[in-house]
Amino acid sequence: MGDEWKQFIQSDDIEVEQLPWGPHEWLSRPGLTAARELLLVRVRMPYGQAHRFHRHPKMEEIIYVESGEAEQWVDRDSRKLGPGEIAHIPAGVVHGTWNSGDETLVFLAILAPATCEGPMLVDVSGDEPWASLRE
């Protein structure tokens, strides 16, 4: 299968990417692990932040809440999610995650496949009905 480092990821191996809605700690992605079909990222979303409505045209996603509270939207349906709860988002479906608690929201996002042709993410937060859905 390849090098040992591609099979085991330890804290020093995690790749951190700073994004507007919070730091992303990449735990598995091409070039970091040997996984070919899965991405795994831990997001630490500060109080008041959100990953506004978007879609992944060719990727499905599972969001697993580790701590805090998420206002999770999948299409036009929303739920409050707490620790141990998940949302599944099929490929191409619009979704968004808001930190609805008073502490940092920590969640894992598992996406598949790990690579695809075309954009991995399309922001639709300025388009209707998404722009006014939460009003």
C-alpha atoms as a PDB file:
ATOM      1  CA  MET A   1       0.000   0.000   0.000  1.00  0.00           C
ATOM      2  CA  GLY A   2       2.776   2.500   0.355  1.00  0.00           C
ATOM      3  CA  ASP A   3       4.584   4.535   2.978  1.00  0.00           C
ATOM      4  CA  GLU A   4       3.733   4.211   6.670  1.00  0.00           C
ATOM      5  CA  TRP A   5       2.902   7.925   6.953  1.00  0.00           C
ATOM      6  CA  LYS A   6       0.092   7.473   4.461  1.00  0.00           C
ATOM      7  CA  GLN A   7      -1.558   4.874   6.697  1.00  0.00           C
ATOM      8  CA  PHE A   8      -1.288   6.593  10.073  1.00  0.00           C
ATOM      9  CA  ILE A   9      -1.860  10.294  10.698  1.00  0.00           C
ATOM     10  CA  GLN A  10      -0.657  11.773  13.967  1.00  0.00           C
ATOM     11  CA  SER A  11      -1.214  15.284  15.308  1.00  0.00           C
ATOM     12  CA  ASP A  12       1.973  16.661  13.699  1.00  0.00           C
ATOM     13  CA  ASP A  13       0.810  15.392  10.279  1.00  0.00           C
ATOM     14  CA  ILE A  14      -2.529  17.253  10.237  1.00  0.00           C
ATOM     15  CA  GLU A  15      -2.701  19.964   7.576  1.00  0.00           C
ATOM     16  CA  VAL A  16      -4.501  23.110   8.809  1.00  0.00           C
ATOM     17  CA  GLU A  17      -6.198  25.421   6.302  1.00  0.00           C
ATOM     18  CA  GLN A  18      -7.625  28.770   7.448  1.00  0.00           C
ATOM     19  CA  LEU A  19     -11.040  29.460   5.891  1.00  0.00           C
ATOM     20  CA  PRO A  20     -13.525  32.273   6.658  1.00  0.00           C
ATOM     21  CA  TRP A  21     -15.865  29.997   8.646  1.00  0.00           C
ATOM     22  CA  GLY A  22     -13.082  28.476  10.760  1.00  0.00           C
ATOM     23  CA  PRO A  23      -9.884  26.469  10.619  1.00  0.00           C
ATOM     24  CA  HIS A  24     -10.035  23.178   8.742  1.00  0.00           C
ATOM     25  CA  GLU A  25      -7.855  20.372  10.055  1.00  0.00           C
ATOM     26  CA  TRP A  26      -7.317  17.952   7.190  1.00  0.00           C
ATOM     27  CA  LEU A  27      -7.071  14.436   8.567  1.00  0.00           C
ATOM     28  CA  SER A  28      -7.270  12.602   5.241  1.00  0.00           C
ATOM     29  CA  ARG A  29      -7.022  13.842   1.669  1.00  0.00           C
ATOM     30  CA  PRO A  30      -4.944  13.024  -1.407  1.00  0.00           C
ATOM     31  CA  GLY A  31      -1.282  13.631  -0.705  1.00  0.00           C
ATOM     32  CA  LEU A  32      -1.757  13.220   3.047  1.00  0.00           C
ATOM     33  CA  THR A  33      -3.051   9.643   3.144  1.00  0.00           C
ATOM     34  CA  ALA A  34      -3.403   6.839   0.636  1.00  0.00           C
ATOM     35  CA  ALA A  35      -7.209   7.188   0.680  1.00  0.00           C
ATOM     36  CA  ARG A  36      -8.562   7.523  -2.846  1.00  0.00           C
ATOM     37  CA  GLU A  37     -12.272   7.790  -2.217  1.00  0.00           C
ATOM     38  CA  LEU A  38     -12.639   9.721   1.070  1.00  0.00           C
ATOM     39  CA  LEU A  39     -11.863  13.153   2.487  1.00  0.00           C
ATOM     40  CA  LEU A  40     -11.955  13.783   6.236  1.00  0.00           C
ATOM     41  CA  VAL A  41     -11.705  17.240   7.778  1.00  0.00           C
ATOM     42  CA  ARG A  42     -12.341  18.530  11.301  1.00  0.00           C
ATOM     43  CA  VAL A  43     -13.773  22.045  11.349  1.00  0.00           C
ATOM     44  CA  ARG A  44     -13.628  24.343  14.381  1.00  0.00           C
ATOM     45  CA  MET A  45     -16.320  26.935  13.665  1.00  0.00           C
ATOM     46  CA  PRO A  46     -16.219  29.910  16.058  1.00  0.00           C
ATOM     47  CA  TYR A  47     -19.329  31.384  17.676  1.00  0.00           C
ATOM     48  CA  GLY A  48     -21.408  33.341  15.144  1.00  0.00           C
ATOM     49  CA  GLN A  49     -19.784  31.825  12.047  1.00  0.00           C
ATOM     50  CA  ALA A  50     -21.352  29.794   9.252  1.00  0.00           C
ATOM     51  CA  HIS A  51     -20.521  27.892   6.105  1.00  0.00           C
ATOM     52  CA  ARG A  52     -23.383  29.436   4.171  1.00  0.00           C
ATOM     53  CA  PHE A  53     -25.455  27.668   1.539  1.00  0.00           C
ATOM     54  CA  HIS A  54     -23.357  25.770  -0.967  1.00  0.00           C
ATOM     55  CA  ARG A  55     -23.311  22.484  -2.825  1.00  0.00           C
ATOM     56  CA  HIS A  56     -20.791  19.880  -3.903  1.00  0.00           C
ATOM     57  CA  PRO A  57     -21.851  18.951  -7.464  1.00  0.00           C
ATOM     58  CA  LYS A  58     -20.267  15.485  -7.485  1.00  0.00           C
ATOM     59  CA  MET A  59     -19.562  14.751  -3.829  1.00  0.00           C
ATOM     60  CA  GLU A  60     -21.740  13.440  -1.031  1.00  0.00           C
ATOM     61  CA  GLU A  61     -21.030  14.481   2.540  1.00  0.00           C
ATOM     62  CA  ILE A  62     -21.648  13.419   6.110  1.00  0.00           C
ATOM     63  CA  ILE A  63     -21.369  16.001   8.880  1.00  0.00           C
ATOM     64  CA  TYR A  64     -20.767  14.581  12.358  1.00  0.00           C
ATOM     65  CA  VAL A  65     -20.963  16.980  15.310  1.00  0.00           C
ATOM     66  CA  GLU A  66     -18.247  16.419  17.924  1.00  0.00           C
ATOM     67  CA  SER A  67     -19.114  19.343  20.224  1.00  0.00           C
ATOM     68  CA  GLY A  68     -21.250  22.460  20.245  1.00  0.00           C
ATOM     69  CA  GLU A  69     -24.505  22.958  18.375  1.00  0.00           C
ATOM     70  CA  ALA A  70     -25.074  23.214  14.628  1.00  0.00           C
ATOM     71  CA  GLU A  71     -28.032  24.631  12.763  1.00  0.00           C
ATOM     72  CA  GLN A  72     -27.720  22.270   9.831  1.00  0.00           C
ATOM     73  CA  TRP A  73     -29.620  22.801   6.589  1.00  0.00           C
ATOM     74  CA  VAL A  74     -30.052  20.136   3.922  1.00  0.00           C
ATOM     75  CA  ASP A  75     -31.994  21.620   1.030  1.00  0.00           C
ATOM     76  CA  ARG A  76     -34.881  23.544   2.668  1.00  0.00           C
ATOM     77  CA  ASP A  77     -35.011  21.458   5.832  1.00  0.00           C
ATOM     78  CA  SER A  78     -33.080  22.296   8.998  1.00  0.00           C
ATOM     79  CA  ARG A  79     -32.327  20.649  12.319  1.00  0.00           C
ATOM     80  CA  LYS A  80     -30.312  21.507  15.408  1.00  0.00           C
ATOM     81  CA  LEU A  81     -27.560  18.925  15.756  1.00  0.00           C
ATOM     82  CA  GLY A  82     -25.579  18.220  18.903  1.00  0.00           C
ATOM     83  CA  PRO A  83     -22.691  15.933  19.773  1.00  0.00           C
ATOM     84  CA  GLY A  84     -22.955  12.499  18.185  1.00  0.00           C
ATOM     85  CA  GLU A  85     -25.560  13.554  15.596  1.00  0.00           C
ATOM     86  CA  ILE A  86     -25.084  13.631  11.833  1.00  0.00           C
ATOM     87  CA  ALA A  87     -26.486  14.985   8.603  1.00  0.00           C
ATOM     88  CA  HIS A  88     -26.095  13.232   5.255  1.00  0.00           C
ATOM     89  CA  ILE A  89     -25.993  15.429   2.159  1.00  0.00           C
ATOM     90  CA  PRO A  90     -26.317  13.717  -1.239  1.00  0.00           C
ATOM     91  CA  ALA A  91     -24.185  14.989  -4.122  1.00  0.00           C
ATOM     92  CA  GLY A  92     -25.462  18.229  -5.626  1.00  0.00           C
ATOM     93  CA  VAL A  93     -27.820  19.083  -2.736  1.00  0.00           C
ATOM     94  CA  VAL A  94     -27.591  22.595  -1.284  1.00  0.00           C
ATOM     95  CA  HIS A  95     -26.709  22.733   2.407  1.00  0.00           C
ATOM     96  CA  GLY A  96     -25.256  25.017   5.040  1.00  0.00           C
ATOM     97  CA  THR A  97     -23.960  24.860   8.597  1.00  0.00           C
ATOM     98  CA  TRP A  98     -24.343  27.631  11.206  1.00  0.00           C
ATOM     99  CA  ASN A  99     -22.875  27.653  14.683  1.00  0.00           C
ATOM    100  CA  SER A 100     -26.104  28.064  16.654  1.00  0.00           C
ATOM    101  CA  GLY A 101     -24.545  27.584  20.079  1.00  0.00           C
ATOM    102  CA  ASP A 102     -22.533  29.859  22.329  1.00  0.00           C
ATOM    103  CA  GLU A 103     -19.235  27.974  22.008  1.00  0.00           C
ATOM    104  CA  THR A 104     -17.015  26.774  19.184  1.00  0.00           C
ATOM    105  CA  LEU A 105     -18.765  24.184  17.014  1.00  0.00           C
ATOM    106  CA  VAL A 106     -16.493  21.242  16.203  1.00  0.00           C
ATOM    107  CA  PHE A 107     -17.550  18.812  13.501  1.00  0.00           C
ATOM    108  CA  LEU A 108     -16.124  16.240  11.144  1.00  0.00           C
ATOM    109  CA  ALA A 109     -16.971  16.384   7.461  1.00  0.00           C
ATOM    110  CA  ILE A 110     -16.539  13.198   5.461  1.00  0.00           C
ATOM    111  CA  LEU A 111     -16.793  13.674   1.700  1.00  0.00           C
ATOM    112  CA  ALA A 112     -16.599  11.267  -1.219  1.00  0.00           C
ATOM    113  CA  PRO A 113     -15.128  10.878  -3.712  1.00  0.00           C
ATOM    114  CA  ALA A 114     -11.850  12.542  -2.733  1.00  0.00           C
ATOM    115  CA  THR A 115     -11.347  14.008  -6.209  1.00  0.00           C
ATOM    116  CA  CYS A 116     -13.648  14.922  -9.067  1.00  0.00           C
ATOM    117  CA  GLU A 117     -13.702  16.889 -12.282  1.00  0.00           C
ATOM    118  CA  GLY A 118     -15.156  20.369 -12.098  1.00  0.00           C
ATOM    119  CA  PRO A 119     -15.638  22.472  -8.996  1.00  0.00           C
ATOM    120  CA  MET A 120     -15.678  20.704  -5.633  1.00  0.00           C
ATOM    121  CA  LEU A 121     -17.793  23.466  -4.083  1.00  0.00           C
ATOM    122  CA  VAL A 122     -20.301  25.963  -5.505  1.00  0.00           C
ATOM    123  CA  ASP A 123     -21.416  28.856  -3.281  1.00  0.00           C
ATOM    124  CA  VAL A 124     -25.128  29.629  -3.742  1.00  0.00           C
ATOM    125  CA  SER A 125     -25.613  31.778  -0.628  1.00  0.00           C
ATOM    126  CA  GLY A 126     -26.344  34.886  -2.734  1.00  0.00           C
ATOM    127  CA  ASP A 127     -28.908  33.113  -4.945  1.00  0.00           C
ATOM    128  CA  GLU A 128     -32.615  32.762  -4.203  1.00  0.00           C
ATOM    129  CA  PRO A 129     -34.195  31.051  -2.425  1.00  0.00           C
ATOM    130  CA  TRP A 130     -31.040  30.532  -0.324  1.00  0.00           C
ATOM    131  CA  ALA A 131     -30.260  34.247   0.178  1.00  0.00           C
ATOM    132  CA  SER A 132     -33.493  34.813   2.112  1.00  0.00           C
ATOM    133  CA  LEU A 133     -34.288  31.327   3.456  1.00  0.00           C
ATOM    134  CA  ARG A 134     -33.104  32.001   7.008  1.00  0.00           C
ATOM    135  CA  GLU A 135     -34.759  35.454   7.364  1.00  0.00           C
END
